[in-house]
């Protein structure tokens, strides 16, 4: 009986802690801290996402997730549905957020507007 309990404990431990995590990096358009909060919060709230970080300076998004719980496609869909465009890791493939959703972003987050981008860069 003792060996059965130990074996069961080891089996459960391996399954809980041995789950594969994948690191995903891609570019996400945005311009400010509000964009950062929106993107990171939405990703962290997803089941299967362990870590999410968006860098406002280089626009890189880093997501560490468990592919058994969530797909890469779902991650990109969630970000697009927040109103943010993305360039995938290959540097070519783009995911464009629907214009209706983009238009609902706060004025300071309208990264497609060159004046908004310029204001954030110059602090104007």
PDB file of N, CA and C in Angstrom:
ATOM      1  N   UNK A   1       0.818  -1.189   0.000  1.00  0.00           N
ATOM      2  CA  UNK A   1       0.000   0.000   0.000  1.00  0.00           C
ATOM      3  C   UNK A   1       0.870   1.265   0.000  1.00  0.00           C
ATOM      4  N   UNK A   2       1.954   1.187   0.762  1.00  0.00           N
ATOM      5  CA  UNK A   2       2.870   2.317   0.854  1.00  0.00           C
ATOM      6  C   UNK A   2       3.423   2.672  -0.531  1.00  0.00           C
ATOM      7  N   UNK A   3       3.780   1.674  -1.321  1.00  0.00           N
ATOM      8  CA  UNK A   3       4.333   1.904  -2.654  1.00  0.00           C
ATOM      9  C   UNK A   3       3.279   2.443  -3.614  1.00  0.00           C
ATOM     10  N   UNK A   4       2.052   2.043  -3.436  1.00  0.00           N
ATOM     11  CA  UNK A   4       0.963   2.545  -4.277  1.00  0.00           C
ATOM     12  C   UNK A   4       0.770   4.040  -4.031  1.00  0.00           C
ATOM     13  N   UNK A   5       0.788   4.445  -2.783  1.00  0.00           N
ATOM     14  CA  UNK A   5       0.616   5.858  -2.442  1.00  0.00           C
ATOM     15  C   UNK A   5       1.787   6.680  -2.967  1.00  0.00           C
ATOM     16  N   UNK A   6       2.991   6.189  -2.798  1.00  0.00           N
ATOM     17  CA  UNK A   6       4.177   6.900  -3.299  1.00  0.00           C
ATOM     18  C   UNK A   6       4.129   7.001  -4.819  1.00  0.00           C
ATOM     19  N   UNK A   7       3.769   5.916  -5.488  1.00  0.00           N
ATOM     20  CA  UNK A   7       3.671   5.922  -6.951  1.00  0.00           C
ATOM     21  C   UNK A   7       2.613   6.909  -7.420  1.00  0.00           C
ATOM     22  N   UNK A   8       1.480   6.917  -6.752  1.00  0.00           N
ATOM     23  CA  UNK A   8       0.406   7.837  -7.107  1.00  0.00           C
ATOM     24  C   UNK A   8       0.856   9.286  -6.909  1.00  0.00           C
ATOM     25  N   UNK A   9       1.530   9.559  -5.814  1.00  0.00           N
ATOM     26  CA  UNK A   9       2.034  10.901  -5.543  1.00  0.00           C
ATOM     27  C   UNK A   9       3.019  11.340  -6.631  1.00  0.00           C
ATOM     28  N   UNK A  10       3.932  10.470  -7.009  1.00  0.00           N
ATOM     29  CA  UNK A  10       4.909  10.795  -8.058  1.00  0.00           C
ATOM     30  C   UNK A  10       4.224  11.037  -9.393  1.00  0.00           C
ATOM     31  N   UNK A  11       3.246  10.225  -9.723  1.00  0.00           N
ATOM     32  CA  UNK A  11       2.510  10.372 -10.978  1.00  0.00           C
ATOM     33  C   UNK A  11       1.806  11.730 -11.032  1.00  0.00           C
ATOM     34  N   UNK A  12       1.139  12.094  -9.946  1.00  0.00           N
ATOM     35  CA  UNK A  12       0.438  13.377  -9.888  1.00  0.00           C
ATOM     36  C   UNK A  12       1.433  14.530  -9.952  1.00  0.00           C
ATOM     37  N   UNK A  13       2.539  14.428  -9.245  1.00  0.00           N
ATOM     38  CA  UNK A  13       3.555  15.486  -9.246  1.00  0.00           C
ATOM     39  C   UNK A  13       4.122  15.711 -10.636  1.00  0.00           C
ATOM     40  N   UNK A  14       4.418  14.643 -11.327  1.00  0.00           N
ATOM     41  CA  UNK A  14       4.979  14.758 -12.676  1.00  0.00           C
ATOM     42  C   UNK A  14       3.974  15.421 -13.602  1.00  0.00           C
ATOM     43  N   UNK A  15       2.717  15.042 -13.509  1.00  0.00           N
ATOM     44  CA  UNK A  15       1.700  15.633 -14.370  1.00  0.00           C
ATOM     45  C   UNK A  15       1.436  17.096 -14.048  1.00  0.00           C
ATOM     46  N   UNK A  16       1.486  17.460 -12.789  1.00  0.00           N
ATOM     47  CA  UNK A  16       1.233  18.850 -12.420  1.00  0.00           C
ATOM     48  C   UNK A  16       2.390  19.763 -12.780  1.00  0.00           C
ATOM     49  N   UNK A  17       3.593  19.313 -12.490  1.00  0.00           N
ATOM     50  CA  UNK A  17       4.750  20.180 -12.670  1.00  0.00           C
ATOM     51  C   UNK A  17       5.506  19.932 -13.969  1.00  0.00           C
ATOM     52  N   UNK A  18       5.197  18.874 -14.660  1.00  0.00           N
ATOM     53  CA  UNK A  18       5.910  18.552 -15.880  1.00  0.00           C
ATOM     54  C   UNK A  18       5.215  19.044 -17.136  1.00  0.00           C
ATOM     55  N   UNK A  19       4.193  19.884 -16.968  1.00  0.00           N
ATOM     56  CA  UNK A  19       3.479  20.353 -18.138  1.00  0.00           C
ATOM     57  C   UNK A  19       4.342  21.335 -18.918  1.00  0.00           C
ATOM     58  N   UNK A  20       4.339  21.159 -20.205  1.00  0.00           N
ATOM     59  CA  UNK A  20       5.180  21.944 -21.093  1.00  0.00           C
ATOM     60  C   UNK A  20       4.680  23.387 -21.186  1.00  0.00           C
ATOM     61  N   UNK A  21       5.604  24.318 -21.025  1.00  0.00           N
ATOM     62  CA  UNK A  21       5.306  25.736 -21.207  1.00  0.00           C
ATOM     63  C   UNK A  21       5.993  26.189 -22.490  1.00  0.00           C
ATOM     64  N   UNK A  22       5.315  27.020 -23.241  1.00  0.00           N
ATOM     65  CA  UNK A  22       5.846  27.531 -24.495  1.00  0.00           C
ATOM     66  C   UNK A  22       5.986  29.045 -24.378  1.00  0.00           C
ATOM     67  N   UNK A  23       7.089  29.554 -24.903  1.00  0.00           N
ATOM     68  CA  UNK A  23       7.330  30.997 -24.919  1.00  0.00           C
ATOM     69  C   UNK A  23       7.007  31.513 -26.314  1.00  0.00           C
ATOM     70  N   UNK A  24       6.160  32.515 -26.384  1.00  0.00           N
ATOM     71  CA  UNK A  24       5.714  33.090 -27.648  1.00  0.00           C
ATOM     72  C   UNK A  24       6.075  34.571 -27.662  1.00  0.00           C
ATOM     73  N   UNK A  25       6.745  35.010 -28.731  1.00  0.00           N
ATOM     74  CA  UNK A  25       7.120  36.423 -28.870  1.00  0.00           C
ATOM     75  C   UNK A  25       6.614  36.947 -30.204  1.00  0.00           C
ATOM     76  N   UNK A  26       6.039  38.141 -30.167  1.00  0.00           N
ATOM     77  CA  UNK A  26       5.543  38.785 -31.377  1.00  0.00           C
ATOM     78  C   UNK A  26       5.362  40.268 -31.081  1.00  0.00           C
ATOM     79  N   UNK A  27       5.130  41.056 -32.116  1.00  0.00           N
ATOM     80  CA  UNK A  27       4.941  42.496 -31.948  1.00  0.00           C
ATOM     81  C   UNK A  27       3.453  42.818 -31.865  1.00  0.00           C
ATOM     82  N   UNK A  28       3.116  43.740 -30.975  1.00  0.00           N
ATOM     83  CA  UNK A  28       1.736  44.191 -30.817  1.00  0.00           C
ATOM     84  C   UNK A  28       1.733  45.711 -30.843  1.00  0.00           C
ATOM     85  N   UNK A  29       0.927  46.290 -31.732  1.00  0.00           N
ATOM     86  CA  UNK A  29       0.848  47.745 -31.808  1.00  0.00           C
ATOM     87  C   UNK A  29       0.143  48.319 -30.590  1.00  0.00           C
ATOM     88  N   UNK A  30       0.651  49.450 -30.149  1.00  0.00           N
ATOM     89  CA  UNK A  30       0.110  50.183 -29.017  1.00  0.00           C
ATOM     90  C   UNK A  30       1.045  51.340 -28.740  1.00  0.00           C
ATOM     91  N   UNK A  31       0.642  52.247 -27.851  1.00  0.00           N
ATOM     92  CA  UNK A  31       1.468  53.433 -27.649  1.00  0.00           C
ATOM     93  C   UNK A  31       1.655  53.871 -26.204  1.00  0.00           C
ATOM     94  N   UNK A  32       0.901  53.301 -25.275  1.00  0.00           N
ATOM     95  CA  UNK A  32       0.952  53.889 -23.933  1.00  0.00           C
ATOM     96  C   UNK A  32       0.737  52.852 -22.829  1.00  0.00           C
ATOM     97  N   UNK A  33       0.790  53.339 -21.611  1.00  0.00           N
ATOM     98  CA  UNK A  33       0.576  52.485 -20.450  1.00  0.00           C
ATOM     99  C   UNK A  33      -0.814  51.876 -20.405  1.00  0.00           C
ATOM    100  N   UNK A  34      -1.803  52.601 -20.907  1.00  0.00           N
ATOM    101  CA  UNK A  34      -3.158  52.034 -20.956  1.00  0.00           C
ATOM    102  C   UNK A  34      -3.197  50.823 -21.882  1.00  0.00           C
ATOM    103  N   UNK A  35      -2.493  50.923 -23.007  1.00  0.00           N
ATOM    104  CA  UNK A  35      -2.401  49.781 -23.933  1.00  0.00           C
ATOM    105  C   UNK A  35      -1.734  48.605 -23.222  1.00  0.00           C
ATOM    106  N   UNK A  36      -0.652  48.899 -22.529  1.00  0.00           N
ATOM    107  CA  UNK A  36       0.086  47.862 -21.807  1.00  0.00           C
ATOM    108  C   UNK A  36      -0.815  47.150 -20.794  1.00  0.00           C
ATOM    109  N   UNK A  37      -1.530  47.914 -20.002  1.00  0.00           N
ATOM    110  CA  UNK A  37      -2.420  47.319 -19.000  1.00  0.00           C
ATOM    111  C   UNK A  37      -3.506  46.464 -19.645  1.00  0.00           C
ATOM    112  N   UNK A  38      -4.096  46.974 -20.717  1.00  0.00           N
ATOM    113  CA  UNK A  38      -5.169  46.257 -21.410  1.00  0.00           C
ATOM    114  C   UNK A  38      -4.668  44.920 -21.955  1.00  0.00           C
ATOM    115  N   UNK A  39      -3.529  44.948 -22.636  1.00  0.00           N
ATOM    116  CA  UNK A  39      -2.971  43.744 -23.264  1.00  0.00           C
ATOM    117  C   UNK A  39      -2.560  42.724 -22.205  1.00  0.00           C
ATOM    118  N   UNK A  40      -1.782  43.160 -21.238  1.00  0.00           N
ATOM    119  CA  UNK A  40      -1.276  42.229 -20.219  1.00  0.00           C
ATOM    120  C   UNK A  40      -2.402  41.637 -19.374  1.00  0.00           C
ATOM    121  N   UNK A  41      -3.370  42.447 -18.976  1.00  0.00           N
ATOM    122  CA  UNK A  41      -4.468  41.943 -18.147  1.00  0.00           C
ATOM    123  C   UNK A  41      -5.291  40.904 -18.910  1.00  0.00           C
ATOM    124  N   UNK A  42      -5.600  41.198 -20.167  1.00  0.00           N
ATOM    125  CA  UNK A  42      -6.396  40.250 -20.959  1.00  0.00           C
ATOM    126  C   UNK A  42      -5.668  38.917 -21.112  1.00  0.00           C
ATOM    127  N   UNK A  43      -4.363  38.968 -21.312  1.00  0.00           N
ATOM    128  CA  UNK A  43      -3.596  37.729 -21.481  1.00  0.00           C
ATOM    129  C   UNK A  43      -3.483  36.955 -20.173  1.00  0.00           C
ATOM    130  N   UNK A  44      -3.176  37.639 -19.094  1.00  0.00           N
ATOM    131  CA  UNK A  44      -3.024  36.977 -17.794  1.00  0.00           C
ATOM    132  C   UNK A  44      -4.329  36.315 -17.361  1.00  0.00           C
ATOM    133  N   UNK A  45      -5.449  36.907 -17.739  1.00  0.00           N
ATOM    134  CA  UNK A  45      -6.753  36.355 -17.358  1.00  0.00           C
ATOM    135  C   UNK A  45      -7.121  35.083 -18.121  1.00  0.00           C
ATOM    136  N   UNK A  46      -6.352  34.739 -19.154  1.00  0.00           N
ATOM    137  CA  UNK A  46      -6.644  33.535 -19.939  1.00  0.00           C
ATOM    138  C   UNK A  46      -6.151  32.281 -19.218  1.00  0.00           C
ATOM    139  N   UNK A  47      -6.989  31.271 -19.175  1.00  0.00           N
ATOM    140  CA  UNK A  47      -6.583  29.985 -18.596  1.00  0.00           C
ATOM    141  C   UNK A  47      -5.447  29.411 -19.433  1.00  0.00           C
ATOM    142  N   UNK A  48      -4.373  29.017 -18.784  1.00  0.00           N
ATOM    143  CA  UNK A  48      -3.230  28.439 -19.480  1.00  0.00           C
ATOM    144  C   UNK A  48      -2.085  29.408 -19.700  1.00  0.00           C
ATOM    145  N   UNK A  49      -2.311  30.700 -19.477  1.00  0.00           N
ATOM    146  CA  UNK A  49      -1.240  31.691 -19.624  1.00  0.00           C
ATOM    147  C   UNK A  49      -0.564  31.863 -18.267  1.00  0.00           C
ATOM    148  N   UNK A  50       0.741  31.656 -18.256  1.00  0.00           N
ATOM    149  CA  UNK A  50       1.530  31.751 -17.023  1.00  0.00           C
ATOM    150  C   UNK A  50       2.113  33.145 -16.837  1.00  0.00           C
ATOM    151  N   UNK A  51       2.484  33.783 -17.952  1.00  0.00           N
ATOM    152  CA  UNK A  51       3.155  35.084 -17.880  1.00  0.00           C
ATOM    153  C   UNK A  51       2.835  35.857 -19.150  1.00  0.00           C
ATOM    154  N   UNK A  52       2.648  37.167 -19.008  1.00  0.00           N
ATOM    155  CA  UNK A  52       2.435  38.032 -20.169  1.00  0.00           C
ATOM    156  C   UNK A  52       3.098  39.375 -19.907  1.00  0.00           C
ATOM    157  N   UNK A  53       3.803  39.870 -20.918  1.00  0.00           N
ATOM    158  CA  UNK A  53       4.475  41.158 -20.803  1.00  0.00           C
ATOM    159  C   UNK A  53       4.457  41.836 -22.166  1.00  0.00           C
ATOM    160  N   UNK A  54       4.084  43.110 -22.191  1.00  0.00           N
ATOM    161  CA  UNK A  54       4.144  43.898 -23.416  1.00  0.00           C
ATOM    162  C   UNK A  54       5.056  45.084 -23.159  1.00  0.00           C
ATOM    163  N   UNK A  55       6.041  45.273 -24.034  1.00  0.00           N
ATOM    164  CA  UNK A  55       7.026  46.338 -23.886  1.00  0.00           C
ATOM    165  C   UNK A  55       6.624  47.518 -24.764  1.00  0.00           C
ATOM    166  N   UNK A  56       6.282  48.636 -24.146  1.00  0.00           N
ATOM    167  CA  UNK A  56       5.816  49.812 -24.875  1.00  0.00           C
ATOM    168  C   UNK A  56       6.906  50.410 -25.773  1.00  0.00           C
ATOM    169  N   UNK A  57       8.171  50.191 -25.443  1.00  0.00           N
ATOM    170  CA  UNK A  57       9.263  50.772 -26.234  1.00  0.00           C
ATOM    171  C   UNK A  57       9.530  50.011 -27.527  1.00  0.00           C
ATOM    172  N   UNK A  58       9.584  48.682 -27.446  1.00  0.00           N
ATOM    173  CA  UNK A  58       9.887  47.917 -28.665  1.00  0.00           C
ATOM    174  C   UNK A  58       8.679  47.142 -29.195  1.00  0.00           C
ATOM    175  N   UNK A  59       7.528  47.286 -28.532  1.00  0.00           N
ATOM    176  CA  UNK A  59       6.247  46.683 -28.929  1.00  0.00           C
ATOM    177  C   UNK A  59       6.226  45.158 -28.857  1.00  0.00           C
ATOM    178  N   UNK A  60       7.238  44.572 -28.232  1.00  0.00           N
ATOM    179  CA  UNK A  60       7.289  43.112 -28.153  1.00  0.00           C
ATOM    180  C   UNK A  60       6.360  42.585 -27.062  1.00  0.00           C
ATOM    181  N   UNK A  61       5.610  41.576 -27.422  1.00  0.00           N
ATOM    182  CA  UNK A  61       4.766  40.868 -26.463  1.00  0.00           C
ATOM    183  C   UNK A  61       5.411  39.520 -26.195  1.00  0.00           C
ATOM    184  N   UNK A  62       5.513  39.179 -24.921  1.00  0.00           N
ATOM    185  CA  UNK A  62       6.020  37.877 -24.504  1.00  0.00           C
ATOM    186  C   UNK A  62       4.904  37.184 -23.735  1.00  0.00           C
ATOM    187  N   UNK A  63       4.567  35.982 -24.173  1.00  0.00           N
ATOM    188  CA  UNK A  63       3.549  35.187 -23.493  1.00  0.00           C
ATOM    189  C   UNK A  63       4.137  33.812 -23.218  1.00  0.00           C
ATOM    190  N   UNK A  64       4.055  33.374 -21.977  1.00  0.00           N
ATOM    191  CA  UNK A  64       4.445  32.014 -21.610  1.00  0.00           C
ATOM    192  C   UNK A  64       3.145  31.294 -21.279  1.00  0.00           C
ATOM    193  N   UNK A  65       2.890  30.202 -21.998  1.00  0.00           N
ATOM    194  CA  UNK A  65       1.599  29.532 -21.851  1.00  0.00           C
ATOM    195  C   UNK A  65       1.730  28.020 -21.997  1.00  0.00           C
ATOM    196  N   UNK A  66       0.656  27.337 -21.645  1.00  0.00           N
ATOM    197  CA  UNK A  66       0.588  25.883 -21.778  1.00  0.00           C
ATOM    198  C   UNK A  66      -0.291  25.552 -22.975  1.00  0.00           C
ATOM    199  N   UNK A  67       0.284  24.981 -24.031  1.00  0.00           N
ATOM    200  CA  UNK A  67      -0.480  24.695 -25.243  1.00  0.00           C
ATOM    201  C   UNK A  67      -1.621  23.692 -25.048  1.00  0.00           C
ATOM    202  N   UNK A  68      -1.574  22.908 -23.984  1.00  0.00           N
ATOM    203  CA  UNK A  68      -2.687  21.989 -23.729  1.00  0.00           C
ATOM    204  C   UNK A  68      -3.921  22.747 -23.236  1.00  0.00           C
ATOM    205  N   UNK A  69      -3.713  23.945 -22.714  1.00  0.00           N
ATOM    206  CA  UNK A  69      -4.814  24.742 -22.164  1.00  0.00           C
ATOM    207  C   UNK A  69      -5.320  25.817 -23.123  1.00  0.00           C
ATOM    208  N   UNK A  70      -4.411  26.383 -23.930  1.00  0.00           N
ATOM    209  CA  UNK A  70      -4.789  27.476 -24.823  1.00  0.00           C
ATOM    210  C   UNK A  70      -3.915  27.431 -26.069  1.00  0.00           C
ATOM    211  N   UNK A  71      -4.487  27.807 -27.199  1.00  0.00           N
ATOM    212  CA  UNK A  71      -3.741  27.776 -28.461  1.00  0.00           C
ATOM    213  C   UNK A  71      -3.131  29.145 -28.755  1.00  0.00           C
ATOM    214  N   UNK A  72      -2.114  29.120 -29.583  1.00  0.00           N
ATOM    215  CA  UNK A  72      -1.488  30.365 -30.032  1.00  0.00           C
ATOM    216  C   UNK A  72      -2.521  31.220 -30.767  1.00  0.00           C
ATOM    217  N   UNK A  73      -3.351  30.567 -31.557  1.00  0.00           N
ATOM    218  CA  UNK A  73      -4.387  31.289 -32.307  1.00  0.00           C
ATOM    219  C   UNK A  73      -5.325  32.040 -31.364  1.00  0.00           C
ATOM    220  N   UNK A  74      -5.718  31.411 -30.275  1.00  0.00           N
ATOM    221  CA  UNK A  74      -6.617  32.044 -29.299  1.00  0.00           C
ATOM    222  C   UNK A  74      -5.950  33.271 -28.678  1.00  0.00           C
ATOM    223  N   UNK A  75      -4.671  33.179 -28.387  1.00  0.00           N
ATOM    224  CA  UNK A  75      -3.932  34.312 -27.816  1.00  0.00           C
ATOM    225  C   UNK A  75      -3.983  35.504 -28.770  1.00  0.00           C
ATOM    226  N   UNK A  76      -3.715  35.249 -30.052  1.00  0.00           N
ATOM    227  CA  UNK A  76      -3.739  36.328 -31.044  1.00  0.00           C
ATOM    228  C   UNK A  76      -5.149  36.881 -31.236  1.00  0.00           C
ATOM    229  N   UNK A  77      -6.139  36.019 -31.198  1.00  0.00           N
ATOM    230  CA  UNK A  77      -7.529  36.458 -31.355  1.00  0.00           C
ATOM    231  C   UNK A  77      -7.937  37.386 -30.216  1.00  0.00           C
ATOM    232  N   UNK A  78      -7.547  37.043 -29.007  1.00  0.00           N
ATOM    233  CA  UNK A  78      -7.879  37.880 -27.846  1.00  0.00           C
ATOM    234  C   UNK A  78      -7.274  39.274 -28.006  1.00  0.00           C
ATOM    235  N   UNK A  79      -6.027  39.348 -28.425  1.00  0.00           N
ATOM    236  CA  UNK A  79      -5.375  40.656 -28.586  1.00  0.00           C
ATOM    237  C   UNK A  79      -6.029  41.458 -29.707  1.00  0.00           C
ATOM    238  N   UNK A  80      -6.332  40.808 -30.818  1.00  0.00           N
ATOM    239  CA  UNK A  80      -7.007  41.500 -31.921  1.00  0.00           C
ATOM    240  C   UNK A  80      -8.369  42.024 -31.468  1.00  0.00           C
ATOM    241  N   UNK A  81      -9.054  41.249 -30.649  1.00  0.00           N
ATOM    242  CA  UNK A  81     -10.369  41.668 -30.162  1.00  0.00           C
ATOM    243  C   UNK A  81     -10.298  42.760 -29.097  1.00  0.00           C
ATOM    244  N   UNK A  82      -9.089  43.096 -28.677  1.00  0.00           N
ATOM    245  CA  UNK A  82      -8.882  44.259 -27.807  1.00  0.00           C
ATOM    246  C   UNK A  82      -8.693  45.526 -28.636  1.00  0.00           C
ATOM    247  N   UNK A  83      -8.427  45.335 -29.951  1.00  0.00           N
ATOM    248  CA  UNK A  83      -8.202  46.465 -30.843  1.00  0.00           C
ATOM    249  C   UNK A  83      -6.753  46.671 -31.234  1.00  0.00           C
ATOM    250  N   UNK A  84      -5.901  45.679 -30.986  1.00  0.00           N
ATOM    251  CA  UNK A  84      -4.466  45.831 -31.250  1.00  0.00           C
ATOM    252  C   UNK A  84      -3.998  44.926 -32.387  1.00  0.00           C
ATOM    253  N   UNK A  85      -3.316  45.541 -33.379  1.00  0.00           N
ATOM    254  CA  UNK A  85      -2.727  44.795 -34.489  1.00  0.00           C
ATOM    255  C   UNK A  85      -1.482  44.068 -34.000  1.00  0.00           C
ATOM    256  N   UNK A  86      -1.104  43.010 -34.736  1.00  0.00           N
ATOM    257  CA  UNK A  86       0.067  42.222 -34.350  1.00  0.00           C
ATOM    258  C   UNK A  86       0.877  41.832 -35.582  1.00  0.00           C
ATOM    259  N   UNK A  87       2.167  41.672 -35.376  1.00  0.00           N
ATOM    260  CA  UNK A  87       3.056  41.084 -36.378  1.00  0.00           C
ATOM    261  C   UNK A  87       3.654  39.856 -35.716  1.00  0.00           C
ATOM    262  N   UNK A  88       3.417  38.713 -36.312  1.00  0.00           N
ATOM    263  CA  UNK A  88       3.846  37.462 -35.703  1.00  0.00           C
ATOM    264  C   UNK A  88       5.357  37.306 -35.761  1.00  0.00           C
ATOM    265  N   UNK A  89       5.844  36.279 -35.090  1.00  0.00           N
ATOM    266  CA  UNK A  89       7.276  36.039 -34.950  1.00  0.00           C
ATOM    267  C   UNK A  89       8.035  35.911 -36.250  1.00  0.00           C
ATOM    268  N   UNK A  90       7.341  35.550 -37.342  1.00  0.00           N
ATOM    269  CA  UNK A  90       8.030  35.432 -38.631  1.00  0.00           C
ATOM    270  C   UNK A  90       8.333  36.795 -39.237  1.00  0.00           C
ATOM    271  N   UNK A  91       7.778  37.874 -38.658  1.00  0.00           N
ATOM    272  CA  UNK A  91       8.024  39.225 -39.148  1.00  0.00           C
ATOM    273  C   UNK A  91       7.233  39.591 -40.383  1.00  0.00           C
ATOM    274  N   UNK A  92       6.432  38.680 -40.894  1.00  0.00           N
ATOM    275  CA  UNK A  92       5.681  38.901 -42.129  1.00  0.00           C
ATOM    276  C   UNK A  92       4.176  38.870 -41.884  1.00  0.00           C
ATOM    277  N   UNK A  93       3.732  37.854 -41.185  1.00  0.00           N
ATOM    278  CA  UNK A  93       2.302  37.646 -40.976  1.00  0.00           C
ATOM    279  C   UNK A  93       1.738  38.700 -40.038  1.00  0.00           C
ATOM    280  N   UNK A  94       0.663  39.355 -40.494  1.00  0.00           N
ATOM    281  CA  UNK A  94       0.032  40.396 -39.692  1.00  0.00           C
ATOM    282  C   UNK A  94      -1.384  39.976 -39.324  1.00  0.00           C
ATOM    283  N   UNK A  95      -1.777  40.345 -38.129  1.00  0.00           N
ATOM    284  CA  UNK A  95      -3.160  40.178 -37.694  1.00  0.00           C
ATOM    285  C   UNK A  95      -3.670  41.585 -37.424  1.00  0.00           C
ATOM    286  N   UNK A  96      -4.685  41.975 -38.158  1.00  0.00           N
ATOM    287  CA  UNK A  96      -5.230  43.323 -38.039  1.00  0.00           C
ATOM    288  C   UNK A  96      -6.504  43.283 -37.202  1.00  0.00           C
ATOM    289  N   UNK A  97      -6.552  44.127 -36.199  1.00  0.00           N
ATOM    290  CA  UNK A  97      -7.744  44.212 -35.349  1.00  0.00           C
ATOM    291  C   UNK A  97      -8.904  44.786 -36.158  1.00  0.00           C
ATOM    292  N   UNK A  98     -10.105  44.308 -35.914  1.00  0.00           N
ATOM    293  CA  UNK A  98     -11.279  44.860 -36.605  1.00  0.00           C
ATOM    294  C   UNK A  98     -11.406  46.366 -36.340  1.00  0.00           C
ATOM    295  N   UNK A  99     -11.717  47.122 -37.380  1.00  0.00           N
ATOM    296  CA  UNK A  99     -11.786  48.579 -37.275  1.00  0.00           C
ATOM    297  C   UNK A  99     -12.817  49.029 -36.235  1.00  0.00           C
ATOM    298  N   UNK A 100     -13.929  48.286 -36.124  1.00  0.00           N
ATOM    299  CA  UNK A 100     -14.964  48.669 -35.156  1.00  0.00           C
ATOM    300  C   UNK A 100     -14.412  48.617 -33.730  1.00  0.00           C
ATOM    301  N   UNK A 101     -13.599  47.614 -33.466  1.00  0.00           N
ATOM    302  CA  UNK A 101     -13.019  47.468 -32.126  1.00  0.00           C
ATOM    303  C   UNK A 101     -11.923  48.509 -31.913  1.00  0.00           C
ATOM    304  N   UNK A 102     -11.066  48.692 -32.923  1.00  0.00           N
ATOM    305  CA  UNK A 102     -10.015  49.715 -32.832  1.00  0.00           C
ATOM    306  C   UNK A 102     -10.624  51.083 -32.532  1.00  0.00           C
ATOM    307  N   UNK A 103     -11.717  51.412 -33.200  1.00  0.00           N
ATOM    308  CA  UNK A 103     -12.353  52.723 -33.020  1.00  0.00           C
ATOM    309  C   UNK A 103     -12.878  52.941 -31.604  1.00  0.00           C
ATOM    310  N   UNK A 104     -13.082  51.875 -30.853  1.00  0.00           N
ATOM    311  CA  UNK A 104     -13.556  51.989 -29.472  1.00  0.00           C
ATOM    312  C   UNK A 104     -12.422  52.248 -28.470  1.00  0.00           C
ATOM    313  N   UNK A 105     -11.173  52.171 -28.931  1.00  0.00           N
ATOM    314  CA  UNK A 105     -10.042  52.447 -28.036  1.00  0.00           C
ATOM    315  C   UNK A 105     -10.081  53.904 -27.579  1.00  0.00           C
ATOM    316  N   UNK A 106      -9.575  54.186 -26.378  1.00  0.00           N
ATOM    317  CA  UNK A 106      -9.468  55.583 -25.936  1.00  0.00           C
ATOM    318  C   UNK A 106      -8.589  56.375 -26.912  1.00  0.00           C
ATOM    319  N   UNK A 107      -8.813  57.669 -26.988  1.00  0.00           N
ATOM    320  CA  UNK A 107      -8.093  58.517 -27.945  1.00  0.00           C
ATOM    321  C   UNK A 107      -6.579  58.382 -27.828  1.00  0.00           C
ATOM    322  N   UNK A 108      -6.067  58.262 -26.607  1.00  0.00           N
ATOM    323  CA  UNK A 108      -4.609  58.189 -26.434  1.00  0.00           C
ATOM    324  C   UNK A 108      -4.034  56.857 -26.901  1.00  0.00           C
ATOM    325  N   UNK A 109      -4.874  55.876 -27.177  1.00  0.00           N
ATOM    326  CA  UNK A 109      -4.421  54.539 -27.580  1.00  0.00           C
ATOM    327  C   UNK A 109      -4.539  54.294 -29.084  1.00  0.00           C
ATOM    328  N   UNK A 110      -4.928  55.299 -29.850  1.00  0.00           N
ATOM    329  CA  UNK A 110      -5.148  55.134 -31.297  1.00  0.00           C
ATOM    330  C   UNK A 110      -3.801  55.125 -32.029  1.00  0.00           C
ATOM    331  N   UNK A 111      -3.124  53.997 -31.937  1.00  0.00           N
ATOM    332  CA  UNK A 111      -1.765  53.850 -32.463  1.00  0.00           C
ATOM    333  C   UNK A 111      -1.684  53.978 -33.979  1.00  0.00           C
ATOM    334  N   UNK A 112      -2.794  53.837 -34.697  1.00  0.00           N
ATOM    335  CA  UNK A 112      -2.778  53.991 -36.160  1.00  0.00           C
ATOM    336  C   UNK A 112      -2.729  55.467 -36.571  1.00  0.00           C
ATOM    337  N   UNK A 113      -3.022  56.356 -35.662  1.00  0.00           N
ATOM    338  CA  UNK A 113      -3.011  57.793 -35.927  1.00  0.00           C
ATOM    339  C   UNK A 113      -1.585  58.313 -35.735  1.00  0.00           C
ATOM    340  N   UNK A 114      -0.962  58.833 -36.802  1.00  0.00           N
ATOM    341  CA  UNK A 114       0.431  59.292 -36.689  1.00  0.00           C
ATOM    342  C   UNK A 114       0.616  60.407 -35.653  1.00  0.00           C
ATOM    343  N   UNK A 115      -0.401  61.233 -35.447  1.00  0.00           N
ATOM    344  CA  UNK A 115      -0.298  62.310 -34.450  1.00  0.00           C
ATOM    345  C   UNK A 115      -0.236  61.739 -33.034  1.00  0.00           C
ATOM    346  N   UNK A 116      -1.005  60.692 -32.786  1.00  0.00           N
ATOM    347  CA  UNK A 116      -0.993  60.057 -31.465  1.00  0.00           C
ATOM    348  C   UNK A 116       0.367  59.415 -31.220  1.00  0.00           C
ATOM    349  N   UNK A 117       0.881  58.715 -32.229  1.00  0.00           N
ATOM    350  CA  UNK A 117       2.212  58.098 -32.085  1.00  0.00           C
ATOM    351  C   UNK A 117       3.267  59.162 -31.802  1.00  0.00           C
ATOM    352  N   UNK A 118       3.213  60.249 -32.569  1.00  0.00           N
ATOM    353  CA  UNK A 118       4.194  61.323 -32.410  1.00  0.00           C
ATOM    354  C   UNK A 118       4.097  61.925 -31.006  1.00  0.00           C
ATOM    355  N   UNK A 119       2.877  62.155 -30.528  1.00  0.00           N
ATOM    356  CA  UNK A 119       2.698  62.713 -29.183  1.00  0.00           C
ATOM    357  C   UNK A 119       3.308  61.818 -28.116  1.00  0.00           C
ATOM    358  N   UNK A 120       3.177  60.524 -28.269  1.00  0.00           N
ATOM    359  CA  UNK A 120       3.723  59.604 -27.270  1.00  0.00           C
ATOM    360  C   UNK A 120       5.254  59.549 -27.339  1.00  0.00           C
ATOM    361  N   UNK A 121       5.796  59.665 -28.536  1.00  0.00           N
ATOM    362  CA  UNK A 121       7.255  59.626 -28.699  1.00  0.00           C
ATOM    363  C   UNK A 121       7.880  60.911 -28.162  1.00  0.00           C
ATOM    364  N   UNK A 122       7.260  62.049 -28.482  1.00  0.00           N
ATOM    365  CA  UNK A 122       7.833  63.335 -28.076  1.00  0.00           C
ATOM    366  C   UNK A 122       7.354  63.783 -26.704  1.00  0.00           C
ATOM    367  N   UNK A 123       6.366  63.071 -26.166  1.00  0.00           N
ATOM    368  CA  UNK A 123       5.823  63.462 -24.866  1.00  0.00           C
ATOM    369  C   UNK A 123       4.935  64.685 -24.962  1.00  0.00           C
ATOM    370  N   UNK A 124       4.492  64.991 -26.207  1.00  0.00           N
ATOM    371  CA  UNK A 124       3.735  66.203 -26.477  1.00  0.00           C
ATOM    372  C   UNK A 124       2.330  66.122 -26.162  1.00  0.00           C
TER     373      UNK A 124
END
